[in-house]
């Protein structure tokens, strides 16, 4: 059994946190391991929080998720990648023997560039990582991997304290996945790159179960 720390990476500035549904789904595929989820955007001192949790938990594997690469706003241009790389560097320095894996929607768009820019990253995965992450962490895989559509798992909401997100926004929104992929290939949209071009519909019963 491995000790696995899944981190919703700090965006590099104060912004409203978003419940890390992707990490909760990945955790669901790692049932045979000891898994912990940490959203650094909930902390007033995210880098100090990261260092503290690394020191106390001492995970064998550290998974970083980059939700967004930048703001996509012309009037508020800001890249989240610089802070993302600093967090990876800190983790590698604090725990040099830990297996560092990265993923997330923002990473999937610029996976090759991010992997090439840091020797601290052991393994990167694009797409829906829950379909292959068990094998990646068990074998301490290295390099860049592309996950297929995978299957729909019940997210590990028990590893998240939803109440911590309430103060950050007037109306708390919790994502529930209903489908994956898009075959329209609109030029302005990155969703097919992130989620694939094959559309997968989720059974209604499992959607209702998540909402409940």
N, C-alpha and C. Protein backbone atom coordinates (compact mmCIF):
# COMPACT_ATOMS: atom_id res chain seq x y z
N UNK A 1 0.84 -1.20 0.00
CA UNK A 1 0.00 0.00 0.00
C UNK A 1 0.87 1.25 0.00
N UNK A 2 0.60 2.14 -0.94
CA UNK A 2 1.36 3.38 -1.04
C UNK A 2 0.62 4.53 -0.35
N UNK A 3 1.39 5.49 0.12
CA UNK A 3 0.83 6.74 0.64
C UNK A 3 0.84 7.73 -0.52
N UNK A 4 -0.34 8.15 -0.94
CA UNK A 4 -0.47 9.01 -2.12
C UNK A 4 -1.11 10.34 -1.73
N UNK A 5 -0.46 11.41 -2.12
CA UNK A 5 -0.98 12.76 -1.88
C UNK A 5 -1.39 13.37 -3.22
N UNK A 6 -2.66 13.69 -3.36
CA UNK A 6 -3.18 14.33 -4.57
C UNK A 6 -3.41 15.80 -4.28
N UNK A 7 -2.79 16.66 -5.06
CA UNK A 7 -2.80 18.10 -4.78
C UNK A 7 -3.48 18.89 -5.89
N UNK A 8 -4.49 19.66 -5.50
CA UNK A 8 -5.03 20.67 -6.41
C UNK A 8 -4.08 21.86 -6.30
N UNK A 9 -3.31 22.09 -7.34
CA UNK A 9 -2.21 23.07 -7.25
C UNK A 9 -2.71 24.48 -7.03
N UNK A 10 -1.92 25.23 -6.29
CA UNK A 10 -2.18 26.65 -6.06
C UNK A 10 -2.05 27.39 -7.38
N UNK A 11 -2.98 28.30 -7.64
CA UNK A 11 -3.00 29.01 -8.92
C UNK A 11 -2.00 30.15 -9.01
N UNK A 12 -1.38 30.49 -7.89
CA UNK A 12 -0.37 31.54 -7.94
C UNK A 12 -0.86 32.89 -7.45
N UNK A 13 -2.14 32.99 -7.17
CA UNK A 13 -2.72 34.21 -6.61
C UNK A 13 -4.06 33.83 -5.99
N UNK A 14 -4.65 34.73 -5.24
CA UNK A 14 -5.90 34.44 -4.55
C UNK A 14 -7.05 34.40 -5.55
N UNK A 15 -7.71 33.24 -5.63
CA UNK A 15 -8.89 33.07 -6.46
C UNK A 15 -9.83 32.10 -5.76
N UNK A 16 -11.09 32.15 -6.13
CA UNK A 16 -12.06 31.27 -5.50
C UNK A 16 -11.72 29.81 -5.84
N UNK A 17 -11.59 28.96 -4.83
CA UNK A 17 -11.30 27.54 -5.09
C UNK A 17 -12.50 26.86 -5.76
N UNK A 18 -12.20 25.82 -6.51
CA UNK A 18 -13.22 24.99 -7.14
C UNK A 18 -13.01 23.56 -6.66
N UNK A 19 -14.07 22.93 -6.20
CA UNK A 19 -13.96 21.56 -5.68
C UNK A 19 -13.24 20.66 -6.69
N UNK A 20 -12.16 19.99 -6.29
CA UNK A 20 -11.36 19.17 -7.22
C UNK A 20 -12.01 17.83 -7.55
N UNK A 21 -13.02 17.89 -8.40
CA UNK A 21 -13.77 16.69 -8.78
C UNK A 21 -12.87 15.65 -9.45
N UNK A 22 -11.93 16.13 -10.28
CA UNK A 22 -11.03 15.21 -10.97
C UNK A 22 -10.19 14.40 -10.01
N UNK A 23 -9.66 15.06 -8.98
CA UNK A 23 -8.84 14.36 -8.00
C UNK A 23 -9.67 13.37 -7.19
N UNK A 24 -10.93 13.74 -6.91
CA UNK A 24 -11.82 12.83 -6.19
C UNK A 24 -12.10 11.57 -7.01
N UNK A 25 -12.17 11.73 -8.33
CA UNK A 25 -12.38 10.58 -9.21
C UNK A 25 -11.13 9.71 -9.29
N UNK A 26 -9.97 10.35 -9.34
CA UNK A 26 -8.71 9.60 -9.35
C UNK A 26 -8.56 8.81 -8.05
N UNK A 27 -8.89 9.45 -6.94
CA UNK A 27 -8.80 8.77 -5.65
C UNK A 27 -9.68 7.53 -5.62
N UNK A 28 -10.80 7.57 -6.32
CA UNK A 28 -11.70 6.43 -6.35
C UNK A 28 -11.08 5.22 -7.03
N UNK A 29 -10.10 5.46 -7.90
CA UNK A 29 -9.45 4.34 -8.59
C UNK A 29 -8.22 3.84 -7.85
N UNK A 30 -7.95 4.42 -6.68
CA UNK A 30 -6.78 4.04 -5.88
C UNK A 30 -7.21 3.49 -4.52
N UNK A 31 -8.24 2.66 -4.53
CA UNK A 31 -8.84 2.16 -3.30
C UNK A 31 -7.87 1.31 -2.47
N UNK A 32 -6.90 0.70 -3.10
CA UNK A 32 -5.97 -0.17 -2.37
C UNK A 32 -4.81 0.61 -1.73
N UNK A 33 -4.84 1.93 -1.85
CA UNK A 33 -3.77 2.76 -1.31
C UNK A 33 -4.32 3.75 -0.28
N UNK A 34 -3.42 4.32 0.47
CA UNK A 34 -3.77 5.37 1.44
C UNK A 34 -3.69 6.71 0.73
N UNK A 35 -4.85 7.31 0.44
CA UNK A 35 -4.90 8.52 -0.39
C UNK A 35 -5.39 9.72 0.42
N UNK A 36 -4.77 10.86 0.15
CA UNK A 36 -5.17 12.11 0.77
C UNK A 36 -5.25 13.18 -0.31
N UNK A 37 -6.25 14.06 -0.23
CA UNK A 37 -6.42 15.16 -1.19
C UNK A 37 -6.21 16.48 -0.47
N UNK A 38 -5.45 17.36 -1.10
CA UNK A 38 -5.18 18.69 -0.53
C UNK A 38 -5.39 19.75 -1.61
N UNK A 39 -6.26 20.72 -1.33
CA UNK A 39 -6.48 21.84 -2.23
C UNK A 39 -5.74 23.05 -1.66
N UNK A 40 -4.62 23.39 -2.27
CA UNK A 40 -3.80 24.49 -1.75
C UNK A 40 -4.45 25.86 -1.90
N UNK A 41 -5.48 25.95 -2.72
CA UNK A 41 -6.17 27.23 -2.90
C UNK A 41 -7.05 27.58 -1.71
N UNK A 42 -7.22 26.65 -0.78
CA UNK A 42 -7.98 26.92 0.43
C UNK A 42 -7.11 27.55 1.52
N UNK A 43 -5.79 27.57 1.29
CA UNK A 43 -4.86 28.05 2.30
C UNK A 43 -4.48 29.51 2.07
N UNK A 44 -4.29 30.24 3.16
CA UNK A 44 -3.81 31.61 3.08
C UNK A 44 -2.32 31.64 2.76
N UNK A 45 -1.63 30.56 3.10
CA UNK A 45 -0.18 30.45 2.85
C UNK A 45 0.09 29.12 2.14
N UNK A 46 -0.26 29.04 0.86
CA UNK A 46 -0.23 27.76 0.15
C UNK A 46 1.12 27.07 0.08
N UNK A 47 2.19 27.81 -0.14
CA UNK A 47 3.50 27.17 -0.24
C UNK A 47 3.95 26.63 1.12
N UNK A 48 3.66 27.37 2.18
CA UNK A 48 3.97 26.88 3.52
C UNK A 48 3.13 25.66 3.86
N UNK A 49 1.86 25.69 3.43
CA UNK A 49 0.96 24.56 3.65
C UNK A 49 1.47 23.32 2.92
N UNK A 50 1.93 23.50 1.69
CA UNK A 50 2.48 22.38 0.93
C UNK A 50 3.67 21.76 1.64
N UNK A 51 4.58 22.60 2.08
CA UNK A 51 5.78 22.11 2.76
C UNK A 51 5.41 21.37 4.04
N UNK A 52 4.43 21.88 4.76
CA UNK A 52 4.00 21.26 6.02
C UNK A 52 3.40 19.89 5.79
N UNK A 53 2.52 19.78 4.81
CA UNK A 53 1.86 18.51 4.57
C UNK A 53 2.82 17.46 4.01
N UNK A 54 3.80 17.91 3.22
CA UNK A 54 4.82 16.98 2.71
C UNK A 54 5.66 16.43 3.87
N UNK A 55 6.01 17.30 4.78
CA UNK A 55 6.84 16.91 5.92
C UNK A 55 6.09 15.97 6.85
N UNK A 56 4.81 16.24 7.07
CA UNK A 56 4.04 15.45 8.02
C UNK A 56 3.55 14.13 7.41
N UNK A 57 3.06 14.17 6.19
CA UNK A 57 2.45 12.98 5.56
C UNK A 57 3.49 12.07 4.92
N UNK A 58 4.54 12.66 4.37
CA UNK A 58 5.63 11.92 3.70
C UNK A 58 5.09 10.89 2.70
N UNK A 59 4.42 11.36 1.65
CA UNK A 59 3.84 10.44 0.67
C UNK A 59 4.90 9.77 -0.20
N UNK A 60 4.55 8.58 -0.70
CA UNK A 60 5.41 7.88 -1.66
C UNK A 60 5.21 8.46 -3.05
N UNK A 61 3.99 8.87 -3.32
CA UNK A 61 3.64 9.45 -4.63
C UNK A 61 2.92 10.78 -4.41
N UNK A 62 3.29 11.77 -5.21
CA UNK A 62 2.64 13.09 -5.15
C UNK A 62 2.05 13.39 -6.52
N UNK A 63 0.75 13.55 -6.58
CA UNK A 63 0.08 13.87 -7.83
C UNK A 63 -0.39 15.31 -7.85
N UNK A 64 0.13 16.10 -8.79
CA UNK A 64 -0.27 17.51 -8.92
C UNK A 64 -1.26 17.66 -10.07
N UNK A 65 -2.34 18.39 -9.82
CA UNK A 65 -3.31 18.69 -10.88
C UNK A 65 -3.24 20.17 -11.24
N UNK A 66 -3.08 20.45 -12.52
CA UNK A 66 -3.13 21.82 -13.03
C UNK A 66 -4.48 21.99 -13.73
N UNK A 67 -5.41 22.65 -13.04
CA UNK A 67 -6.77 22.76 -13.56
C UNK A 67 -6.85 23.68 -14.78
N UNK A 68 -6.17 24.83 -14.70
CA UNK A 68 -6.16 25.79 -15.80
C UNK A 68 -4.73 26.24 -16.06
N UNK A 69 -4.41 26.51 -17.31
CA UNK A 69 -3.08 27.01 -17.65
C UNK A 69 -3.00 28.53 -17.48
N UNK A 70 -4.11 29.21 -17.78
CA UNK A 70 -4.14 30.67 -17.63
C UNK A 70 -5.59 31.12 -17.50
N UNK A 71 -5.79 32.42 -17.42
CA UNK A 71 -7.13 32.96 -17.21
C UNK A 71 -8.00 32.92 -18.46
N UNK A 72 -7.39 32.84 -19.63
CA UNK A 72 -8.07 32.94 -20.93
C UNK A 72 -8.78 34.29 -21.08
N UNK A 73 -8.36 35.28 -20.31
CA UNK A 73 -8.99 36.60 -20.36
C UNK A 73 -7.99 37.63 -20.86
N UNK A 74 -8.36 38.38 -21.90
CA UNK A 74 -7.46 39.39 -22.46
C UNK A 74 -7.24 40.53 -21.47
N UNK A 75 -8.27 40.84 -20.70
CA UNK A 75 -8.17 41.96 -19.76
C UNK A 75 -7.53 41.56 -18.43
N UNK A 76 -7.32 40.27 -18.21
CA UNK A 76 -6.70 39.79 -16.97
C UNK A 76 -5.78 38.62 -17.31
N UNK A 77 -4.71 38.94 -18.00
CA UNK A 77 -3.81 37.88 -18.46
C UNK A 77 -2.89 37.43 -17.33
N UNK A 78 -2.99 36.15 -16.98
CA UNK A 78 -2.18 35.60 -15.89
C UNK A 78 -2.00 34.11 -16.13
N UNK A 79 -0.74 33.67 -16.06
CA UNK A 79 -0.44 32.24 -16.25
C UNK A 79 -0.30 31.56 -14.90
N UNK A 80 -0.90 30.37 -14.79
CA UNK A 80 -0.81 29.60 -13.55
C UNK A 80 0.34 28.60 -13.58
N UNK A 81 1.03 28.51 -14.69
CA UNK A 81 2.05 27.48 -14.85
C UNK A 81 3.28 27.76 -14.00
N UNK A 82 3.67 29.03 -13.86
CA UNK A 82 4.86 29.36 -13.09
C UNK A 82 4.73 28.89 -11.63
N UNK A 83 3.59 29.16 -11.00
CA UNK A 83 3.36 28.72 -9.63
C UNK A 83 3.30 27.20 -9.55
N UNK A 84 2.73 26.58 -10.56
CA UNK A 84 2.64 25.12 -10.64
C UNK A 84 4.03 24.50 -10.61
N UNK A 85 4.95 25.05 -11.39
CA UNK A 85 6.31 24.53 -11.45
C UNK A 85 7.05 24.72 -10.12
N UNK A 86 6.78 25.83 -9.45
CA UNK A 86 7.42 26.08 -8.16
C UNK A 86 6.97 25.06 -7.11
N UNK A 87 5.71 24.66 -7.18
CA UNK A 87 5.20 23.67 -6.24
C UNK A 87 5.83 22.30 -6.49
N UNK A 88 6.02 21.96 -7.74
CA UNK A 88 6.67 20.70 -8.09
C UNK A 88 8.12 20.71 -7.61
N UNK A 89 8.78 21.83 -7.81
CA UNK A 89 10.17 21.96 -7.37
C UNK A 89 10.28 21.82 -5.85
N UNK A 90 9.36 22.42 -5.14
CA UNK A 90 9.37 22.32 -3.68
C UNK A 90 9.17 20.88 -3.23
N UNK A 91 8.22 20.19 -3.84
CA UNK A 91 7.94 18.80 -3.47
C UNK A 91 9.14 17.91 -3.75
N UNK A 92 9.78 18.14 -4.89
CA UNK A 92 10.95 17.34 -5.27
C UNK A 92 12.12 17.59 -4.32
N UNK A 93 12.25 18.83 -3.87
CA UNK A 93 13.33 19.18 -2.95
C UNK A 93 13.08 18.59 -1.56
N UNK A 94 11.84 18.68 -1.08
CA UNK A 94 11.50 18.19 0.25
C UNK A 94 11.53 16.66 0.32
N UNK A 95 11.03 16.02 -0.75
CA UNK A 95 10.97 14.55 -0.79
C UNK A 95 11.57 14.05 -2.10
N UNK A 96 12.89 14.03 -2.19
CA UNK A 96 13.55 13.68 -3.45
C UNK A 96 13.28 12.26 -3.94
N UNK A 97 12.85 11.38 -3.06
CA UNK A 97 12.58 9.99 -3.46
C UNK A 97 11.12 9.76 -3.83
N UNK A 98 10.29 10.76 -3.69
CA UNK A 98 8.88 10.61 -4.02
C UNK A 98 8.68 10.58 -5.53
N UNK A 99 7.69 9.83 -5.95
CA UNK A 99 7.32 9.73 -7.37
C UNK A 99 6.35 10.86 -7.67
N UNK A 100 6.73 11.77 -8.57
CA UNK A 100 5.91 12.95 -8.87
C UNK A 100 5.18 12.76 -10.19
N UNK A 101 3.86 12.82 -10.10
CA UNK A 101 3.00 12.62 -11.26
C UNK A 101 2.16 13.88 -11.45
N UNK A 102 1.96 14.31 -12.68
CA UNK A 102 1.19 15.52 -12.94
C UNK A 102 0.10 15.26 -13.98
N UNK A 103 -0.97 16.02 -13.88
CA UNK A 103 -2.09 15.87 -14.81
C UNK A 103 -3.02 17.06 -14.66
N UNK A 104 -4.25 16.89 -15.11
CA UNK A 104 -5.23 17.97 -15.04
C UNK A 104 -5.52 18.55 -16.41
N UNK A 105 -6.62 19.27 -16.50
CA UNK A 105 -7.04 19.83 -17.78
C UNK A 105 -6.02 20.82 -18.33
N UNK A 106 -5.50 21.70 -17.47
CA UNK A 106 -4.50 22.66 -17.92
C UNK A 106 -3.22 22.00 -18.38
N UNK A 107 -2.83 20.96 -17.68
CA UNK A 107 -1.64 20.22 -18.08
C UNK A 107 -1.85 19.52 -19.41
N UNK A 108 -3.01 18.94 -19.62
CA UNK A 108 -3.27 18.18 -20.84
C UNK A 108 -3.09 19.01 -22.11
N UNK A 109 -3.40 20.31 -22.01
CA UNK A 109 -3.29 21.19 -23.18
C UNK A 109 -1.83 21.44 -23.55
N UNK A 110 -0.96 21.57 -22.53
CA UNK A 110 0.45 21.89 -22.75
C UNK A 110 1.37 20.81 -22.17
N UNK A 111 0.93 19.56 -22.27
CA UNK A 111 1.64 18.45 -21.61
C UNK A 111 3.09 18.33 -22.05
N UNK A 112 3.34 18.32 -23.33
CA UNK A 112 4.70 18.13 -23.83
C UNK A 112 5.62 19.28 -23.42
N UNK A 113 5.10 20.49 -23.49
CA UNK A 113 5.92 21.66 -23.12
C UNK A 113 6.25 21.65 -21.63
N UNK A 114 5.27 21.32 -20.80
CA UNK A 114 5.50 21.30 -19.35
C UNK A 114 6.47 20.19 -18.97
N UNK A 115 6.29 19.02 -19.56
CA UNK A 115 7.19 17.91 -19.27
C UNK A 115 8.62 18.25 -19.67
N UNK A 116 8.77 18.92 -20.79
CA UNK A 116 10.11 19.25 -21.29
C UNK A 116 10.78 20.33 -20.46
N UNK A 117 9.99 21.12 -19.74
CA UNK A 117 10.55 22.26 -19.00
C UNK A 117 11.00 21.90 -17.59
N UNK A 118 10.74 20.68 -17.14
CA UNK A 118 11.11 20.31 -15.78
C UNK A 118 11.58 18.87 -15.69
N UNK A 119 12.79 18.68 -15.14
CA UNK A 119 13.30 17.35 -14.90
C UNK A 119 12.77 16.78 -13.59
N UNK A 120 12.03 17.59 -12.84
CA UNK A 120 11.49 17.16 -11.55
C UNK A 120 10.26 16.28 -11.70
N UNK A 121 9.61 16.35 -12.85
CA UNK A 121 8.39 15.57 -13.09
C UNK A 121 8.78 14.17 -13.56
N UNK A 122 8.32 13.16 -12.85
CA UNK A 122 8.60 11.78 -13.25
C UNK A 122 7.63 11.30 -14.31
N UNK A 123 6.37 11.63 -14.14
CA UNK A 123 5.34 11.07 -15.01
C UNK A 123 4.23 12.08 -15.24
N UNK A 124 3.75 12.17 -16.47
CA UNK A 124 2.63 13.03 -16.81
C UNK A 124 1.55 12.22 -17.47
N UNK A 125 0.30 12.60 -17.26
CA UNK A 125 -0.80 11.87 -17.89
C UNK A 125 -1.85 12.87 -18.38
N UNK A 126 -2.28 12.70 -19.62
CA UNK A 126 -3.33 13.53 -20.19
C UNK A 126 -4.61 12.70 -20.27
N UNK A 127 -5.72 13.41 -20.36
CA UNK A 127 -7.00 12.70 -20.42
C UNK A 127 -7.49 12.32 -19.04
N UNK A 128 -8.28 11.26 -18.98
CA UNK A 128 -8.92 10.84 -17.73
C UNK A 128 -8.04 9.83 -17.02
N UNK A 129 -7.22 10.35 -16.11
CA UNK A 129 -6.14 9.56 -15.51
C UNK A 129 -6.62 8.40 -14.67
N UNK A 130 -7.87 8.45 -14.18
CA UNK A 130 -8.32 7.36 -13.31
C UNK A 130 -8.30 6.00 -14.01
N UNK A 131 -8.27 5.99 -15.34
CA UNK A 131 -8.26 4.73 -16.07
C UNK A 131 -6.90 4.03 -16.03
N UNK A 132 -5.81 4.79 -15.74
CA UNK A 132 -4.47 4.18 -15.76
C UNK A 132 -3.61 4.53 -14.56
N UNK A 133 -4.11 5.38 -13.66
CA UNK A 133 -3.25 5.89 -12.59
C UNK A 133 -2.78 4.81 -11.62
N UNK A 134 -3.59 3.79 -11.38
CA UNK A 134 -3.18 2.71 -10.49
C UNK A 134 -1.89 2.06 -10.99
N UNK A 135 -1.84 1.77 -12.27
CA UNK A 135 -0.64 1.16 -12.84
C UNK A 135 0.54 2.12 -12.83
N UNK A 136 0.29 3.39 -13.08
CA UNK A 136 1.36 4.38 -13.12
C UNK A 136 2.04 4.53 -11.77
N UNK A 137 1.24 4.61 -10.70
CA UNK A 137 1.84 4.81 -9.38
C UNK A 137 2.46 3.53 -8.84
N UNK A 138 1.86 2.40 -9.15
CA UNK A 138 2.39 1.12 -8.65
C UNK A 138 3.74 0.80 -9.27
N UNK A 139 3.86 1.08 -10.56
CA UNK A 139 5.10 0.78 -11.28
C UNK A 139 6.07 1.96 -11.29
N UNK A 140 5.68 3.08 -10.67
CA UNK A 140 6.49 4.29 -10.67
C UNK A 140 6.92 4.64 -12.10
N UNK A 141 5.91 4.72 -12.96
CA UNK A 141 6.14 4.96 -14.38
C UNK A 141 6.78 6.33 -14.62
N UNK A 142 7.54 6.42 -15.70
CA UNK A 142 8.15 7.67 -16.11
C UNK A 142 7.75 7.99 -17.55
N UNK A 143 7.69 9.28 -17.86
CA UNK A 143 7.34 9.70 -19.20
C UNK A 143 5.92 10.25 -19.27
N UNK A 144 5.45 10.48 -20.49
CA UNK A 144 4.14 11.06 -20.73
C UNK A 144 3.18 9.99 -21.24
N UNK A 145 2.00 9.89 -20.63
CA UNK A 145 1.01 8.89 -21.00
C UNK A 145 -0.31 9.56 -21.35
N UNK A 146 -1.02 8.95 -22.29
CA UNK A 146 -2.35 9.45 -22.68
C UNK A 146 -3.38 8.43 -22.24
N UNK A 147 -4.31 8.87 -21.40
CA UNK A 147 -5.36 7.98 -20.91
C UNK A 147 -6.54 7.98 -21.86
N UNK A 148 -7.23 6.85 -21.94
CA UNK A 148 -8.42 6.77 -22.78
C UNK A 148 -9.61 7.35 -22.02
N UNK A 149 -10.80 7.17 -22.54
CA UNK A 149 -11.98 7.72 -21.90
C UNK A 149 -12.22 7.20 -20.51
N UNK A 150 -11.78 5.96 -20.25
CA UNK A 150 -11.92 5.39 -18.92
C UNK A 150 -13.36 5.11 -18.57
N UNK A 151 -13.60 4.90 -17.28
CA UNK A 151 -14.95 4.63 -16.81
C UNK A 151 -15.36 5.67 -15.79
N UNK A 152 -16.65 5.77 -15.55
CA UNK A 152 -17.16 6.73 -14.58
C UNK A 152 -17.16 6.10 -13.20
N UNK A 153 -16.45 6.71 -12.27
CA UNK A 153 -16.36 6.21 -10.90
C UNK A 153 -17.06 7.17 -9.95
N UNK A 154 -17.52 6.63 -8.83
CA UNK A 154 -18.10 7.47 -7.80
C UNK A 154 -16.98 8.24 -7.13
N UNK A 155 -16.93 9.57 -7.26
CA UNK A 155 -15.83 10.35 -6.67
C UNK A 155 -15.74 10.16 -5.16
N UNK A 156 -14.52 10.25 -4.63
CA UNK A 156 -14.31 10.11 -3.19
C UNK A 156 -14.61 11.43 -2.50
N UNK A 157 -15.88 11.76 -2.41
CA UNK A 157 -16.27 12.99 -1.72
C UNK A 157 -15.93 12.92 -0.23
N UNK A 158 -15.76 11.70 0.28
CA UNK A 158 -15.42 11.55 1.70
C UNK A 158 -14.03 12.09 2.02
N UNK A 159 -13.20 12.28 1.00
CA UNK A 159 -11.86 12.81 1.21
C UNK A 159 -11.82 14.34 1.14
N UNK A 160 -12.98 14.95 0.91
CA UNK A 160 -13.07 16.41 0.78
C UNK A 160 -14.04 16.96 1.80
N UNK A 161 -13.71 18.10 2.36
CA UNK A 161 -14.61 18.80 3.26
C UNK A 161 -15.29 19.92 2.47
N UNK A 162 -16.51 19.65 2.01
CA UNK A 162 -17.21 20.61 1.17
C UNK A 162 -17.48 21.93 1.90
N UNK A 163 -17.60 21.88 3.22
CA UNK A 163 -17.88 23.09 3.97
C UNK A 163 -16.77 24.13 3.85
N UNK A 164 -15.55 23.69 3.57
CA UNK A 164 -14.44 24.63 3.46
C UNK A 164 -14.54 25.52 2.21
N UNK A 165 -15.36 25.11 1.24
CA UNK A 165 -15.50 25.88 0.01
C UNK A 165 -16.61 26.93 0.09
N UNK A 166 -17.51 26.76 1.05
CA UNK A 166 -18.66 27.64 1.15
C UNK A 166 -18.30 29.12 1.32
N UNK A 167 -17.35 29.48 2.19
CA UNK A 167 -17.06 30.91 2.41
C UNK A 167 -16.50 31.65 1.20
N UNK A 168 -16.05 30.92 0.19
CA UNK A 168 -15.37 31.56 -0.92
C UNK A 168 -16.30 32.03 -2.04
N UNK A 169 -17.53 31.62 -2.00
CA UNK A 169 -18.43 32.07 -3.04
C UNK A 169 -19.87 32.13 -2.52
N UNK A 170 -20.64 33.03 -3.09
CA UNK A 170 -21.99 33.26 -2.61
C UNK A 170 -22.83 32.00 -2.72
N UNK A 171 -22.74 31.33 -3.84
CA UNK A 171 -23.49 30.10 -4.05
C UNK A 171 -22.50 28.98 -4.39
N UNK A 172 -22.37 28.03 -3.49
CA UNK A 172 -21.42 26.94 -3.70
C UNK A 172 -21.86 26.06 -4.85
N UNK A 173 -20.96 25.81 -5.78
CA UNK A 173 -21.24 24.92 -6.90
C UNK A 173 -20.36 23.68 -6.78
N UNK A 174 -20.96 22.52 -6.87
CA UNK A 174 -20.23 21.26 -6.84
C UNK A 174 -20.47 20.54 -8.16
N UNK A 175 -19.40 20.28 -8.89
CA UNK A 175 -19.53 19.65 -10.20
C UNK A 175 -19.96 18.20 -10.12
N UNK A 176 -20.82 17.80 -11.03
CA UNK A 176 -21.22 16.40 -11.20
C UNK A 176 -21.03 16.05 -12.67
N UNK A 177 -20.22 15.07 -12.93
CA UNK A 177 -19.91 14.70 -14.31
C UNK A 177 -21.08 13.94 -14.94
N UNK A 178 -21.52 14.39 -16.12
CA UNK A 178 -22.64 13.73 -16.80
C UNK A 178 -22.22 13.08 -18.12
N UNK A 179 -21.16 13.59 -18.75
CA UNK A 179 -20.67 12.96 -19.98
C UNK A 179 -19.20 13.34 -20.18
N UNK A 180 -18.61 12.75 -21.20
CA UNK A 180 -17.22 13.04 -21.55
C UNK A 180 -17.08 13.11 -23.06
N UNK A 181 -16.14 13.96 -23.47
CA UNK A 181 -15.80 14.03 -24.88
C UNK A 181 -16.74 14.91 -25.69
N UNK A 182 -16.22 15.35 -26.85
CA UNK A 182 -17.01 16.14 -27.78
C UNK A 182 -16.44 15.95 -29.18
N UNK A 183 -17.31 15.65 -30.14
CA UNK A 183 -16.86 15.38 -31.51
C UNK A 183 -17.10 16.55 -32.46
N UNK A 184 -17.38 17.74 -31.92
CA UNK A 184 -17.67 18.89 -32.78
C UNK A 184 -16.41 19.59 -33.28
N UNK A 185 -15.31 19.54 -32.49
CA UNK A 185 -14.03 20.12 -32.89
C UNK A 185 -14.13 21.61 -33.25
N UNK A 186 -14.82 22.37 -32.44
CA UNK A 186 -14.89 23.82 -32.66
C UNK A 186 -13.50 24.42 -32.47
N UNK A 187 -13.10 25.33 -33.33
CA UNK A 187 -11.74 25.86 -33.34
C UNK A 187 -11.37 26.59 -32.06
N UNK A 188 -12.33 27.21 -31.41
CA UNK A 188 -12.04 28.01 -30.22
C UNK A 188 -11.99 27.18 -28.94
N UNK A 189 -12.37 25.92 -28.99
CA UNK A 189 -12.59 25.12 -27.79
C UNK A 189 -11.50 24.07 -27.58
N UNK A 190 -11.01 23.98 -26.34
CA UNK A 190 -9.96 23.01 -26.01
C UNK A 190 -10.52 21.72 -25.43
N UNK A 191 -11.84 21.63 -25.29
CA UNK A 191 -12.44 20.48 -24.61
C UNK A 191 -12.10 19.13 -25.27
N UNK A 192 -12.12 19.02 -26.61
CA UNK A 192 -11.75 17.73 -27.20
C UNK A 192 -10.31 17.31 -26.88
N UNK A 193 -9.41 18.29 -26.74
CA UNK A 193 -8.03 17.97 -26.37
C UNK A 193 -7.97 17.42 -24.95
N UNK A 194 -8.79 17.98 -24.08
CA UNK A 194 -8.79 17.59 -22.68
C UNK A 194 -9.53 16.28 -22.46
N UNK A 195 -10.69 16.15 -23.09
CA UNK A 195 -11.59 15.04 -22.76
C UNK A 195 -11.80 14.05 -23.90
N UNK A 196 -11.20 14.28 -25.05
CA UNK A 196 -11.32 13.34 -26.16
C UNK A 196 -12.46 13.69 -27.10
N UNK A 197 -12.45 13.06 -28.26
CA UNK A 197 -13.46 13.33 -29.29
C UNK A 197 -14.55 12.27 -29.34
N UNK A 198 -14.42 11.23 -28.53
CA UNK A 198 -15.47 10.21 -28.45
C UNK A 198 -16.40 10.54 -27.29
N UNK A 199 -17.68 10.68 -27.60
CA UNK A 199 -18.65 11.08 -26.59
C UNK A 199 -19.08 9.87 -25.78
N UNK A 200 -19.00 10.01 -24.45
CA UNK A 200 -19.44 8.97 -23.53
C UNK A 200 -20.52 9.54 -22.63
N UNK A 201 -21.70 8.92 -22.62
CA UNK A 201 -22.79 9.37 -21.76
C UNK A 201 -22.76 8.55 -20.46
N UNK A 202 -22.97 9.23 -19.35
CA UNK A 202 -22.96 8.55 -18.06
C UNK A 202 -24.37 8.09 -17.71
N UNK A 203 -24.51 6.90 -17.13
CA UNK A 203 -25.85 6.41 -16.75
C UNK A 203 -26.54 7.36 -15.79
N UNK A 204 -27.83 7.58 -16.01
CA UNK A 204 -28.61 8.52 -15.20
C UNK A 204 -28.56 8.16 -13.72
N UNK A 205 -28.61 6.88 -13.41
CA UNK A 205 -28.63 6.44 -12.02
C UNK A 205 -27.36 6.88 -11.27
N UNK A 206 -26.21 6.80 -11.94
CA UNK A 206 -24.97 7.19 -11.28
C UNK A 206 -24.90 8.71 -11.10
N UNK A 207 -25.49 9.46 -12.03
CA UNK A 207 -25.55 10.92 -11.88
C UNK A 207 -26.40 11.27 -10.66
N UNK A 208 -27.54 10.62 -10.53
CA UNK A 208 -28.41 10.86 -9.38
C UNK A 208 -27.71 10.49 -8.07
N UNK A 209 -26.95 9.41 -8.11
CA UNK A 209 -26.22 8.97 -6.91
C UNK A 209 -25.21 10.02 -6.46
N UNK A 210 -24.50 10.62 -7.41
CA UNK A 210 -23.52 11.67 -7.08
C UNK A 210 -24.21 12.89 -6.47
N UNK A 211 -25.34 13.29 -7.05
CA UNK A 211 -26.06 14.45 -6.55
C UNK A 211 -26.53 14.20 -5.12
N UNK A 212 -27.03 13.01 -4.87
CA UNK A 212 -27.47 12.67 -3.52
C UNK A 212 -26.32 12.66 -2.52
